[in-house]
Amino acid sequence: APSDPQGLTALVLDRVNWSSALWTQFEYLCDALVLDPESG
């Protein structure tokens, strides 16, 4: 994922506006953004 506010915002908004999984499985399925400690 992008690691700047603008890029990360665009990614998140693209997902919530498009994903049928997040829409249907509200409050259950999620996208996870996780920091890789090795690569940063």
Full PDB file with SEQRES, HELIX, SHEET, SSBOND, CRYST1, ORIGX, SCALE, CONECT and MASTER records, all heavy atoms in Angstrom:
SEQRES   1 A   40  ALA PRO SER ASP PRO GLN GLY LEU THR ALA LEU VAL LEU          
SEQRES   2 A   40  ASP ARG VAL ASN TRP SER SER ALA LEU TRP THR GLN PHE          
SEQRES   3 A   40  GLU TYR LEU CYS ASP ALA LEU VAL LEU ASP PRO GLU SER          
SEQRES   4 A   40  GLY                                                          
HELIX    1 AA1 PRO A    5  TRP A   18  1                                  14    
HELIX    2 AA2 SER A   20  THR A   24  1                                   5    
CRYST1    1.000    1.000    1.000  90.00  90.00  90.00 P 1           1          
ORIGX1      1.000000  0.000000  0.000000        0.00000                         
ORIGX2      0.000000  1.000000  0.000000        0.00000                         
ORIGX3      0.000000  0.000000  1.000000        0.00000                         
SCALE1      1.000000  0.000000  0.000000        0.00000                         
SCALE2      0.000000  1.000000  0.000000        0.00000                         
SCALE3      0.000000  0.000000  1.000000        0.00000                         
ATOM      1  N   ALA A   1       0.831  -1.199   0.000  1.00  0.00           N  
ATOM      2  CA  ALA A   1       0.000   0.000   0.000  1.00  0.00           C  
ATOM      3  C   ALA A   1       0.867   1.251   0.000  1.00  0.00           C  
ATOM      4  O   ALA A   1       2.002   1.230   0.489  1.00  0.00           O  
ATOM      5  CB  ALA A   1      -0.905   0.001   1.233  1.00  0.00           C  
ATOM      6  N   PRO A   2       0.366   2.357  -0.534  1.00  0.00           N  
ATOM      7  CA  PRO A   2       1.097   3.630  -0.425  1.00  0.00           C  
ATOM      8  C   PRO A   2       1.304   3.993   1.039  1.00  0.00           C  
ATOM      9  O   PRO A   2       0.490   3.649   1.908  1.00  0.00           O  
ATOM     10  CB  PRO A   2       0.161   4.635  -1.109  1.00  0.00           C  
ATOM     11  CG  PRO A   2      -0.757   3.819  -1.957  1.00  0.00           C  
ATOM     12  CD  PRO A   2      -0.916   2.501  -1.252  1.00  0.00           C  
ATOM     13  N   SER A   3       2.364   4.705   1.324  1.00  0.00           N  
ATOM     14  CA  SER A   3       2.661   5.067   2.714  1.00  0.00           C  
ATOM     15  C   SER A   3       2.596   6.566   2.947  1.00  0.00           C  
ATOM     16  O   SER A   3       3.156   7.072   3.916  1.00  0.00           O  
ATOM     17  CB  SER A   3       4.040   4.531   3.125  1.00  0.00           C  
ATOM     18  OG  SER A   3       5.030   4.991   2.220  1.00  0.00           O  
ATOM     19  N   ASP A   4       1.925   7.280   2.027  1.00  0.00           N  
ATOM     20  CA  ASP A   4       1.694   8.703   2.244  1.00  0.00           C  
ATOM     21  C   ASP A   4       0.201   8.924   2.416  1.00  0.00           C  
ATOM     22  O   ASP A   4      -0.619   8.128   1.933  1.00  0.00           O  
ATOM     23  CB  ASP A   4       2.218   9.515   1.063  1.00  0.00           C  
ATOM     24  CG  ASP A   4       1.473   9.197  -0.214  1.00  0.00           C  
ATOM     25  OD1 ASP A   4       1.765   8.135  -0.826  1.00  0.00           O  
ATOM     26  OD2 ASP A   4       0.568   9.969  -0.596  1.00  0.00           O  
ATOM     27  N   PRO A   5      -0.228   9.981   3.094  1.00  0.00           N  
ATOM     28  CA  PRO A   5      -1.650  10.192   3.370  1.00  0.00           C  
ATOM     29  C   PRO A   5      -2.517  10.241   2.124  1.00  0.00           C  
ATOM     30  O   PRO A   5      -3.616   9.681   2.097  1.00  0.00           O  
ATOM     31  CB  PRO A   5      -1.668  11.519   4.133  1.00  0.00           C  
ATOM     32  CG  PRO A   5      -0.324  11.613   4.772  1.00  0.00           C  
ATOM     33  CD  PRO A   5       0.620  10.981   3.793  1.00  0.00           C  
ATOM     34  N   GLN A   6      -2.023  10.908   1.063  1.00  0.00           N  
ATOM     35  CA  GLN A   6      -2.842  11.028  -0.135  1.00  0.00           C  
ATOM     36  C   GLN A   6      -3.026   9.675  -0.816  1.00  0.00           C  
ATOM     37  O   GLN A   6      -4.144   9.303  -1.209  1.00  0.00           O  
ATOM     38  CB  GLN A   6      -2.209  12.034  -1.122  1.00  0.00           C  
ATOM     39  CG  GLN A   6      -2.243  13.473  -0.657  1.00  0.00           C  
ATOM     40  CD  GLN A   6      -1.122  13.808   0.327  1.00  0.00           C  
ATOM     41  OE1 GLN A   6      -0.238  12.989   0.585  1.00  0.00           O  
ATOM     42  NE2 GLN A   6      -1.169  15.014   0.876  1.00  0.00           N  
ATOM     43  N   GLY A   7      -1.936   8.950  -0.975  1.00  0.00           N  
ATOM     44  CA  GLY A   7      -2.021   7.657  -1.638  1.00  0.00           C  
ATOM     45  C   GLY A   7      -2.834   6.655  -0.847  1.00  0.00           C  
ATOM     46  O   GLY A   7      -3.621   5.876  -1.410  1.00  0.00           O  
ATOM     47  N   LEU A   8      -2.646   6.655   0.483  1.00  0.00           N  
ATOM     48  CA  LEU A   8      -3.377   5.719   1.327  1.00  0.00           C  
ATOM     49  C   LEU A   8      -4.859   6.059   1.354  1.00  0.00           C  
ATOM     50  O   LEU A   8      -5.719   5.168   1.321  1.00  0.00           O  
ATOM     51  CB  LEU A   8      -2.795   5.753   2.738  1.00  0.00           C  
ATOM     52  CG  LEU A   8      -3.037   4.525   3.622  1.00  0.00           C  
ATOM     53  CD1 LEU A   8      -2.615   3.244   2.934  1.00  0.00           C  
ATOM     54  CD2 LEU A   8      -2.290   4.688   4.951  1.00  0.00           C  
ATOM     55  N   THR A   9      -5.166   7.342   1.359  1.00  0.00           N  
ATOM     56  CA  THR A   9      -6.573   7.764   1.310  1.00  0.00           C  
ATOM     57  C   THR A   9      -7.228   7.303   0.011  1.00  0.00           C  
ATOM     58  O   THR A   9      -8.352   6.790   0.014  1.00  0.00           O  
ATOM     59  CB  THR A   9      -6.671   9.288   1.443  1.00  0.00           C  
ATOM     60  OG1 THR A   9      -6.247   9.668   2.753  1.00  0.00           O  
ATOM     61  CG2 THR A   9      -8.101   9.773   1.215  1.00  0.00           C  
ATOM     62  N   ALA A  10      -6.539   7.479  -1.111  1.00  0.00           N  
ATOM     63  CA  ALA A  10      -7.091   7.058  -2.397  1.00  0.00           C  
ATOM     64  C   ALA A  10      -7.342   5.554  -2.408  1.00  0.00           C  
ATOM     65  O   ALA A  10      -8.383   5.078  -2.906  1.00  0.00           O  
ATOM     66  CB  ALA A  10      -6.148   7.454  -3.525  1.00  0.00           C  
ATOM     67  N   LEU A  11      -6.406   4.767  -1.851  1.00  0.00           N  
ATOM     68  CA  LEU A  11      -6.573   3.313  -1.807  1.00  0.00           C  
ATOM     69  C   LEU A  11      -7.794   2.934  -0.983  1.00  0.00           C  
ATOM     70  O   LEU A  11      -8.626   2.121  -1.410  1.00  0.00           O  
ATOM     71  CB  LEU A  11      -5.319   2.672  -1.208  1.00  0.00           C  
ATOM     72  CG  LEU A  11      -5.437   1.183  -0.868  1.00  0.00           C  
ATOM     73  CD1 LEU A  11      -5.564   0.345  -2.130  1.00  0.00           C  
ATOM     74  CD2 LEU A  11      -4.251   0.720  -0.028  1.00  0.00           C  
ATOM     75  N   VAL A  12      -7.912   3.510   0.202  1.00  0.00           N  
ATOM     76  CA  VAL A  12      -9.013   3.153   1.096  1.00  0.00           C  
ATOM     77  C   VAL A  12     -10.354   3.542   0.474  1.00  0.00           C  
ATOM     78  O   VAL A  12     -11.314   2.750   0.498  1.00  0.00           O  
ATOM     79  CB  VAL A  12      -8.823   3.822   2.472  1.00  0.00           C  
ATOM     80  CG1 VAL A  12     -10.100   3.708   3.306  1.00  0.00           C  
ATOM     81  CG2 VAL A  12      -7.643   3.205   3.204  1.00  0.00           C  
ATOM     82  N   LEU A  13     -10.435   4.729  -0.100  1.00  0.00           N  
ATOM     83  CA  LEU A  13     -11.701   5.151  -0.695  1.00  0.00           C  
ATOM     84  C   LEU A  13     -12.046   4.323  -1.926  1.00  0.00           C  
ATOM     85  O   LEU A  13     -13.224   4.041  -2.180  1.00  0.00           O  
ATOM     86  CB  LEU A  13     -11.659   6.639  -1.028  1.00  0.00           C  
ATOM     87  CG  LEU A  13     -11.577   7.583   0.169  1.00  0.00           C  
ATOM     88  CD1 LEU A  13     -11.617   9.033  -0.287  1.00  0.00           C  
ATOM     89  CD2 LEU A  13     -12.688   7.311   1.184  1.00  0.00           C  
ATOM     90  N   ASP A  14     -11.039   3.915  -2.686  1.00  0.00           N  
ATOM     91  CA  ASP A  14     -11.308   3.024  -3.813  1.00  0.00           C  
ATOM     92  C   ASP A  14     -11.926   1.714  -3.326  1.00  0.00           C  
ATOM     93  O   ASP A  14     -12.872   1.186  -3.917  1.00  0.00           O  
ATOM     94  CB  ASP A  14     -10.021   2.730  -4.583  1.00  0.00           C  
ATOM     95  CG  ASP A  14      -9.606   3.867  -5.498  1.00  0.00           C  
ATOM     96  OD1 ASP A  14     -10.429   4.777  -5.724  1.00  0.00           O  
ATOM     97  OD2 ASP A  14      -8.452   3.851  -5.983  1.00  0.00           O  
ATOM     98  N   ARG A  15     -11.411   1.202  -2.248  1.00  0.00           N  
ATOM     99  CA  ARG A  15     -11.903  -0.087  -1.727  1.00  0.00           C  
ATOM    100  C   ARG A  15     -13.331   0.028  -1.194  1.00  0.00           C  
ATOM    101  O   ARG A  15     -14.190  -0.797  -1.522  1.00  0.00           O  
ATOM    102  CB  ARG A  15     -10.977  -0.590  -0.618  1.00  0.00           C  
ATOM    103  CG  ARG A  15      -9.696  -1.213  -1.130  1.00  0.00           C  
ATOM    104  CD  ARG A  15      -9.956  -2.538  -1.802  1.00  0.00           C  
ATOM    105  NE  ARG A  15     -10.442  -3.541  -0.847  1.00  0.00           N  
ATOM    106  CZ  ARG A  15     -11.015  -4.687  -1.200  1.00  0.00           C  
ATOM    107  NH1 ARG A  15     -11.218  -4.971  -2.475  1.00  0.00           N  
ATOM    108  NH2 ARG A  15     -11.415  -5.551  -0.285  1.00  0.00           N  
ATOM    109  N   VAL A  16     -13.613   1.022  -0.371  1.00  0.00           N  
ATOM    110  CA  VAL A  16     -14.949   1.093   0.228  1.00  0.00           C  
ATOM    111  C   VAL A  16     -16.010   1.463  -0.801  1.00  0.00           C  
ATOM    112  O   VAL A  16     -17.187   1.124  -0.636  1.00  0.00           O  
ATOM    113  CB  VAL A  16     -14.988   2.058   1.430  1.00  0.00           C  
ATOM    114  CG1 VAL A  16     -14.078   1.558   2.537  1.00  0.00           C  
ATOM    115  CG2 VAL A  16     -14.631   3.482   1.018  1.00  0.00           C  
ATOM    116  N   ASN A  17     -15.597   2.140  -1.867  1.00  0.00           N  
ATOM    117  CA  ASN A  17     -16.555   2.490  -2.904  1.00  0.00           C  
ATOM    118  C   ASN A  17     -16.795   1.354  -3.893  1.00  0.00           C  
ATOM    119  O   ASN A  17     -17.756   1.420  -4.670  1.00  0.00           O  
ATOM    120  CB  ASN A  17     -16.076   3.731  -3.674  1.00  0.00           C  
ATOM    121  CG  ASN A  17     -16.407   5.021  -2.965  1.00  0.00           C  
ATOM    122  OD1 ASN A  17     -17.533   5.503  -3.037  1.00  0.00           O  
ATOM    123  ND2 ASN A  17     -15.437   5.583  -2.253  1.00  0.00           N  
ATOM    124  N   TRP A  18     -15.974   0.326  -3.881  1.00  0.00           N  
ATOM    125  CA  TRP A  18     -16.039  -0.714  -4.903  1.00  0.00           C  
ATOM    126  C   TRP A  18     -16.316  -2.111  -4.349  1.00  0.00           C  
ATOM    127  O   TRP A  18     -17.074  -2.887  -4.944  1.00  0.00           O  
ATOM    128  CB  TRP A  18     -14.727  -0.722  -5.688  1.00  0.00           C  
ATOM    129  CG  TRP A  18     -14.670  -1.727  -6.790  1.00  0.00           C  
ATOM    130  CD1 TRP A  18     -15.280  -1.646  -8.006  1.00  0.00           C  
ATOM    131  CD2 TRP A  18     -13.943  -2.965  -6.778  1.00  0.00           C  
ATOM    132  NE1 TRP A  18     -14.989  -2.763  -8.763  1.00  0.00           N  
ATOM    133  CE2 TRP A  18     -14.165  -3.586  -8.021  1.00  0.00           C  
ATOM    134  CE3 TRP A  18     -13.135  -3.608  -5.837  1.00  0.00           C  
ATOM    135  CZ2 TRP A  18     -13.605  -4.820  -8.366  1.00  0.00           C  
ATOM    136  CZ3 TRP A  18     -12.571  -4.834  -6.176  1.00  0.00           C  
ATOM    137  CH2 TRP A  18     -12.811  -5.429  -7.417  1.00  0.00           C  
ATOM    138  N   SER A  19     -15.741  -2.434  -3.208  1.00  0.00           N  
ATOM    139  CA  SER A  19     -15.785  -3.811  -2.712  1.00  0.00           C  
ATOM    140  C   SER A  19     -17.198  -4.241  -2.326  1.00  0.00           C  
ATOM    141  O   SER A  19     -17.867  -3.592  -1.522  1.00  0.00           O  
ATOM    142  CB  SER A  19     -14.872  -3.956  -1.485  1.00  0.00           C  
ATOM    143  OG  SER A  19     -15.100  -5.189  -0.836  1.00  0.00           O  
ATOM    144  N   SER A  20     -17.651  -5.358  -2.878  1.00  0.00           N  
ATOM    145  CA  SER A  20     -18.931  -5.922  -2.446  1.00  0.00           C  
ATOM    146  C   SER A  20     -18.764  -6.749  -1.181  1.00  0.00           C  
ATOM    147  O   SER A  20     -19.732  -6.945  -0.439  1.00  0.00           O  
ATOM    148  CB  SER A  20     -19.551  -6.769  -3.562  1.00  0.00           C  
ATOM    149  OG  SER A  20     -18.669  -7.792  -3.987  1.00  0.00           O  
ATOM    150  N   ALA A  21     -17.548  -7.225  -0.908  1.00  0.00           N  
ATOM    151  CA  ALA A  21     -17.308  -7.986   0.320  1.00  0.00           C  
ATOM    152  C   ALA A  21     -17.455  -7.093   1.548  1.00  0.00           C  
ATOM    153  O   ALA A  21     -18.134  -7.458   2.517  1.00  0.00           O  
ATOM    154  CB  ALA A  21     -15.920  -8.620   0.294  1.00  0.00           C  
ATOM    155  N   LEU A  22     -16.828  -5.929   1.524  1.00  0.00           N  
ATOM    156  CA  LEU A  22     -16.939  -5.015   2.666  1.00  0.00           C  
ATOM    157  C   LEU A  22     -18.368  -4.508   2.815  1.00  0.00           C  
ATOM    158  O   LEU A  22     -18.839  -4.274   3.933  1.00  0.00           O  
ATOM    159  CB  LEU A  22     -15.969  -3.843   2.494  1.00  0.00           C  
ATOM    160  CG  LEU A  22     -14.474  -4.183   2.471  1.00  0.00           C  
ATOM    161  CD1 LEU A  22     -13.646  -2.915   2.300  1.00  0.00           C  
ATOM    162  CD2 LEU A  22     -14.046  -4.930   3.723  1.00  0.00           C  
ATOM    163  N   TRP A  23     -19.058  -4.333   1.703  1.00  0.00           N  
ATOM    164  CA  TRP A  23     -20.442  -3.854   1.731  1.00  0.00           C  
ATOM    165  C   TRP A  23     -21.357  -4.883   2.383  1.00  0.00           C  
ATOM    166  O   TRP A  23     -22.138  -4.570   3.282  1.00  0.00           O  
ATOM    167  CB  TRP A  23     -20.898  -3.561   0.304  1.00  0.00           C  
ATOM    168  CG  TRP A  23     -22.335  -3.213   0.152  1.00  0.00           C  
ATOM    169  CD1 TRP A  23     -23.370  -4.090  -0.066  1.00  0.00           C  
ATOM    170  CD2 TRP A  23     -22.926  -1.913   0.209  1.00  0.00           C  
ATOM    171  NE1 TRP A  23     -24.570  -3.417  -0.151  1.00  0.00           N  
ATOM    172  CE2 TRP A  23     -24.317  -2.079   0.008  1.00  0.00           C  
ATOM    173  CE3 TRP A  23     -22.418  -0.638   0.391  1.00  0.00           C  
ATOM    174  CZ2 TRP A  23     -25.195  -0.996  -0.011  1.00  0.00           C  
ATOM    175  CZ3 TRP A  23     -23.294   0.432   0.370  1.00  0.00           C  
ATOM    176  CH2 TRP A  23     -24.665   0.250   0.175  1.00  0.00           C  
ATOM    177  N   THR A  24     -21.273  -6.110   1.930  1.00  0.00           N  
ATOM    178  CA  THR A  24     -22.184  -7.151   2.423  1.00  0.00           C  
ATOM    179  C   THR A  24     -21.802  -7.614   3.821  1.00  0.00           C  
ATOM    180  O   THR A  24     -22.661  -7.806   4.683  1.00  0.00           O  
ATOM    181  CB  THR A  24     -22.179  -8.357   1.463  1.00  0.00           C  
ATOM    182  OG1 THR A  24     -22.537  -7.911   0.157  1.00  0.00           O  
ATOM    183  CG2 THR A  24     -23.159  -9.410   1.921  1.00  0.00           C  
ATOM    184  N   GLN A  25     -20.513  -7.777   4.062  1.00  0.00           N  
ATOM    185  CA  GLN A  25     -20.036  -8.277   5.354  1.00  0.00           C  
ATOM    186  C   GLN A  25     -19.592  -7.121   6.237  1.00  0.00           C  
ATOM    187  O   GLN A  25     -18.523  -7.147   6.846  1.00  0.00           O  
ATOM    188  CB  GLN A  25     -18.903  -9.287   5.126  1.00  0.00           C  
ATOM    189  CG  GLN A  25     -19.373 -10.588   4.474  1.00  0.00           C  
ATOM    190  CD  GLN A  25     -20.342 -11.346   5.360  1.00  0.00           C  
ATOM    191  OE1 GLN A  25     -21.493 -10.948   5.533  1.00  0.00           O  
ATOM    192  NE2 GLN A  25     -19.890 -12.442   5.944  1.00  0.00           N  
ATOM    193  N   PHE A  26     -20.459  -6.116   6.312  1.00  0.00           N  
ATOM    194  CA  PHE A  26     -20.181  -4.940   7.133  1.00  0.00           C  
ATOM    195  C   PHE A  26     -19.959  -5.339   8.587  1.00  0.00           C  
ATOM    196  O   PHE A  26     -20.567  -6.275   9.091  1.00  0.00           O  
ATOM    197  CB  PHE A  26     -21.328  -3.930   7.017  1.00  0.00           C  
ATOM    198  CG  PHE A  26     -22.680  -4.494   7.413  1.00  0.00           C  
ATOM    199  CD1 PHE A  26     -23.097  -4.492   8.728  1.00  0.00           C  
ATOM    200  CD2 PHE A  26     -23.517  -5.044   6.453  1.00  0.00           C  
ATOM    201  CE1 PHE A  26     -24.326  -5.014   9.096  1.00  0.00           C  
ATOM    202  CE2 PHE A  26     -24.753  -5.567   6.814  1.00  0.00           C  
ATOM    203  CZ  PHE A  26     -25.160  -5.554   8.136  1.00  0.00           C  
ATOM    204  N   GLU A  27     -19.048  -4.641   9.228  1.00  0.00           N  
ATOM    205  CA  GLU A  27     -18.723  -4.857  10.647  1.00  0.00           C  
ATOM    206  C   GLU A  27     -18.168  -6.253  10.916  1.00  0.00           C  
ATOM    207  O   GLU A  27     -18.096  -6.688  12.070  1.00  0.00           O  
ATOM    208  CB  GLU A  27     -19.930  -4.575  11.545  1.00  0.00           C  
ATOM    209  CG  GLU A  27     -20.459  -3.162  11.398  1.00  0.00           C  
ATOM    210  CD  GLU A  27     -21.607  -2.850  12.336  1.00  0.00           C  
ATOM    211  OE1 GLU A  27     -21.772  -3.564  13.333  1.00  0.00           O  
ATOM    212  OE2 GLU A  27     -22.333  -1.875  12.068  1.00  0.00           O  
ATOM    213  N   TYR A  28     -17.752  -6.951   9.849  1.00  0.00           N  
ATOM    214  CA  TYR A  28     -17.164  -8.286  10.041  1.00  0.00           C  
ATOM    215  C   TYR A  28     -15.886  -8.432   9.217  1.00  0.00           C  
ATOM    216  O   TYR A  28     -14.801  -8.568   9.771  1.00  0.00           O  
ATOM    217  CB  TYR A  28     -18.183  -9.363   9.681  1.00  0.00           C  
ATOM    218  CG  TYR A  28     -17.657 -10.763   9.884  1.00  0.00           C  
ATOM    219  CD1 TYR A  28     -17.131 -11.146  11.116  1.00  0.00           C  
ATOM    220  CD2 TYR A  28     -17.671 -11.696   8.853  1.00  0.00           C  
ATOM    221  CE1 TYR A  28     -16.620 -12.425  11.307  1.00  0.00           C  
ATOM    222  CE2 TYR A  28     -17.181 -12.980   9.042  1.00  0.00           C  
ATOM    223  CZ  TYR A  28     -16.656 -13.331  10.264  1.00  0.00           C  
ATOM    224  OH  TYR A  28     -16.160 -14.603  10.446  1.00  0.00           O  
ATOM    225  N   LEU A  29     -15.993  -8.419   7.890  1.00  0.00           N  
ATOM    226  CA  LEU A  29     -14.789  -8.464   7.071  1.00  0.00           C  
ATOM    227  C   LEU A  29     -14.166  -7.074   6.989  1.00  0.00           C  
ATOM    228  O   LEU A  29     -14.868  -6.069   6.987  1.00  0.00           O  
ATOM    229  CB  LEU A  29     -15.112  -8.978   5.669  1.00  0.00           C  
ATOM    230  CG  LEU A  29     -15.572 -10.439   5.552  1.00  0.00           C  
ATOM    231  CD1 LEU A  29     -15.717 -10.827   4.087  1.00  0.00           C  
ATOM    232  CD2 LEU A  29     -14.633 -11.400   6.277  1.00  0.00           C  
ATOM    233  N   CYS A  30     -12.853  -7.060   6.901  1.00  0.00           N  
ATOM    234  CA  CYS A  30     -12.132  -5.789   6.845  1.00  0.00           C  
ATOM    235  C   CYS A  30     -10.951  -5.912   5.895  1.00  0.00           C  
ATOM    236  O   CYS A  30     -10.515  -7.013   5.552  1.00  0.00           O  
ATOM    237  CB  CYS A  30     -11.633  -5.387   8.236  1.00  0.00           C  
ATOM    238  SG  CYS A  30     -10.203  -6.345   8.820  1.00  0.00           S  
ATOM    239  N   ASP A  31     -10.434  -4.774   5.479  1.00  0.00           N  
ATOM    240  CA  ASP A  31      -9.099  -4.709   4.910  1.00  0.00           C  
ATOM    241  C   ASP A  31      -8.150  -4.379   6.052  1.00  0.00           C  
ATOM    242  O   ASP A  31      -8.493  -3.587   6.950  1.00  0.00           O  
ATOM    243  CB  ASP A  31      -9.012  -3.631   3.840  1.00  0.00           C  
ATOM    244  CG  ASP A  31      -9.583  -4.086   2.508  1.00  0.00           C  
ATOM    245  OD1 ASP A  31     -10.243  -5.141   2.467  1.00  0.00           O  
ATOM    246  OD2 ASP A  31      -9.379  -3.369   1.506  1.00  0.00           O  
ATOM    247  N   ALA A  32      -6.966  -4.969   6.011  1.00  0.00           N  
ATOM    248  CA  ALA A  32      -5.969  -4.724   7.058  1.00  0.00           C  
ATOM    249  C   ALA A  32      -4.737  -4.080   6.443  1.00  0.00           C  
ATOM    250  O   ALA A  32      -4.213  -4.556   5.423  1.00  0.00           O  
ATOM    251  CB  ALA A  32      -5.591  -6.031   7.756  1.00  0.00           C  
ATOM    252  N   LEU A  33      -4.282  -3.000   7.052  1.00  0.00           N  
ATOM    253  CA  LEU A  33      -3.050  -2.318   6.663  1.00  0.00           C  
ATOM    254  C   LEU A  33      -2.035  -2.561   7.770  1.00  0.00           C  
ATOM    255  O   LEU A  33      -2.238  -2.142   8.917  1.00  0.00           O  
ATOM    256  CB  LEU A  33      -3.310  -0.826   6.479  1.00  0.00           C  
ATOM    257  CG  LEU A  33      -4.308  -0.472   5.374  1.00  0.00           C  
ATOM    258  CD1 LEU A  33      -4.772   0.971   5.502  1.00  0.00           C  
ATOM    259  CD2 LEU A  33      -3.693  -0.715   4.007  1.00  0.00           C  
ATOM    260  N   VAL A  34      -0.971  -3.267   7.419  1.00  0.00           N  
ATOM    261  CA  VAL A  34      -0.012  -3.745   8.420  1.00  0.00           C  
ATOM    262  C   VAL A  34       1.381  -3.300   8.022  1.00  0.00           C  
ATOM    263  O   VAL A  34       1.791  -3.454   6.855  1.00  0.00           O  
ATOM    264  CB  VAL A  34      -0.060  -5.293   8.522  1.00  0.00           C  
ATOM    265  CG1 VAL A  34       0.893  -5.782   9.609  1.00  0.00           C  
ATOM    266  CG2 VAL A  34      -1.481  -5.770   8.784  1.00  0.00           C  
ATOM    267  N   LEU A  35       2.125  -2.765   8.973  1.00  0.00           N  
ATOM    268  CA  LEU A  35       3.495  -2.331   8.698  1.00  0.00           C  
ATOM    269  C   LEU A  35       4.432  -3.533   8.698  1.00  0.00           C  
ATOM    270  O   LEU A  35       4.464  -4.311   9.656  1.00  0.00           O  
ATOM    271  CB  LEU A  35       3.944  -1.318   9.750  1.00  0.00           C  
ATOM    272  CG  LEU A  35       5.368  -0.761   9.565  1.00  0.00           C  
ATOM    273  CD1 LEU A  35       5.452   0.062   8.286  1.00  0.00           C  
ATOM    274  CD2 LEU A  35       5.768   0.090  10.778  1.00  0.00           C  
ATOM    275  N   ASP A  36       5.170  -3.698   7.597  1.00  0.00           N  
ATOM    276  CA  ASP A  36       6.211  -4.723   7.516  1.00  0.00           C  
ATOM    277  C   ASP A  36       7.463  -4.172   8.189  1.00  0.00           C  
ATOM    278  O   ASP A  36       8.085  -3.229   7.678  1.00  0.00           O  
ATOM    279  CB  ASP A  36       6.494  -5.057   6.054  1.00  0.00           C  
ATOM    280  CG  ASP A  36       7.534  -6.169   5.903  1.00  0.00           C  
ATOM    281  OD1 ASP A  36       8.243  -6.474   6.874  1.00  0.00           O  
ATOM    282  OD2 ASP A  36       7.632  -6.723   4.793  1.00  0.00           O  
ATOM    283  N   PRO A  37       7.846  -4.717   9.348  1.00  0.00           N  
ATOM    284  CA  PRO A  37       8.968  -4.120  10.095  1.00  0.00           C  
ATOM    285  C   PRO A  37      10.293  -4.220   9.349  1.00  0.00           C  
ATOM    286  O   PRO A  37      11.196  -3.404   9.581  1.00  0.00           O  
ATOM    287  CB  PRO A  37       8.996  -4.923  11.402  1.00  0.00           C  
ATOM    288  CG  PRO A  37       8.296  -6.209  11.078  1.00  0.00           C  
ATOM    289  CD  PRO A  37       7.272  -5.886  10.048  1.00  0.00           C  
ATOM    290  N   GLU A  38      10.444  -5.174   8.450  1.00  0.00           N  
ATOM    291  CA  GLU A  38      11.712  -5.332   7.743  1.00  0.00           C  
ATOM    292  C   GLU A  38      11.857  -4.311   6.614  1.00  0.00           C  
ATOM    293  O   GLU A  38      12.902  -3.677   6.460  1.00  0.00           O  
ATOM    294  CB  GLU A  38      11.835  -6.751   7.191  1.00  0.00           C  
ATOM    295  CG  GLU A  38      11.907  -7.817   8.287  1.00  0.00           C  
ATOM    296  CD  GLU A  38      12.116  -9.198   7.707  1.00  0.00           C  
ATOM    297  OE1 GLU A  38      12.229  -9.332   6.463  1.00  0.00           O  
ATOM    298  OE2 GLU A  38      12.164 -10.166   8.499  1.00  0.00           O  
ATOM    299  N   SER A  39      10.802  -4.157   5.835  1.00  0.00           N  
ATOM    300  CA  SER A  39      10.889  -3.248   4.689  1.00  0.00           C  
ATOM    301  C   SER A  39      10.404  -1.840   5.013  1.00  0.00           C  
ATOM    302  O   SER A  39      10.700  -0.896   4.278  1.00  0.00           O  
ATOM    303  CB  SER A  39      10.071  -3.802   3.526  1.00  0.00           C  
ATOM    304  OG  SER A  39       8.676  -3.775   3.836  1.00  0.00           O  
ATOM    305  N   GLY A  40       9.647  -1.705   6.100  1.00  0.00           N  
ATOM    306  CA  GLY A  40       9.071  -0.414   6.434  1.00  0.00           C  
ATOM    307  C   GLY A  40       7.911  -0.022   5.536  1.00  0.00           C  
ATOM    308  O   GLY A  40       7.477   1.132   5.542  1.00  0.00           O  
TER     309      GLY A  40                                                      
MASTER        0    0    0    2    0    0    0    6  308    1    0    4          
END                                                                             
